[in-house]
């Protein structure tokens, strides 16, 4: 079981029309030590983005999946995903 993947998908389910910051995911899972897990959740999000499970944006634009994003990113549910 991959807790970060499940948590990201749960945030997508809860916020079908809104994006969220990866830090929101780890803050909920690890409130006392969330900063330690931020690189892990970003890595998992990028893996999921490359697999087409989620969308990652920066400044409102979809990032290039071949490039490691630097700076703040936002995660959202793909628009074509009708499941909730």
Foldseek 3Di string as FASTA:
>chain_A
DDQLVVLLVVVQVVCVPDWAWLLVSLCVVPVVPSVVCSVVSLVVQLVCVVVVQKFKDDPPHTDDSVDRDPDTIIIHGDPVDPDD
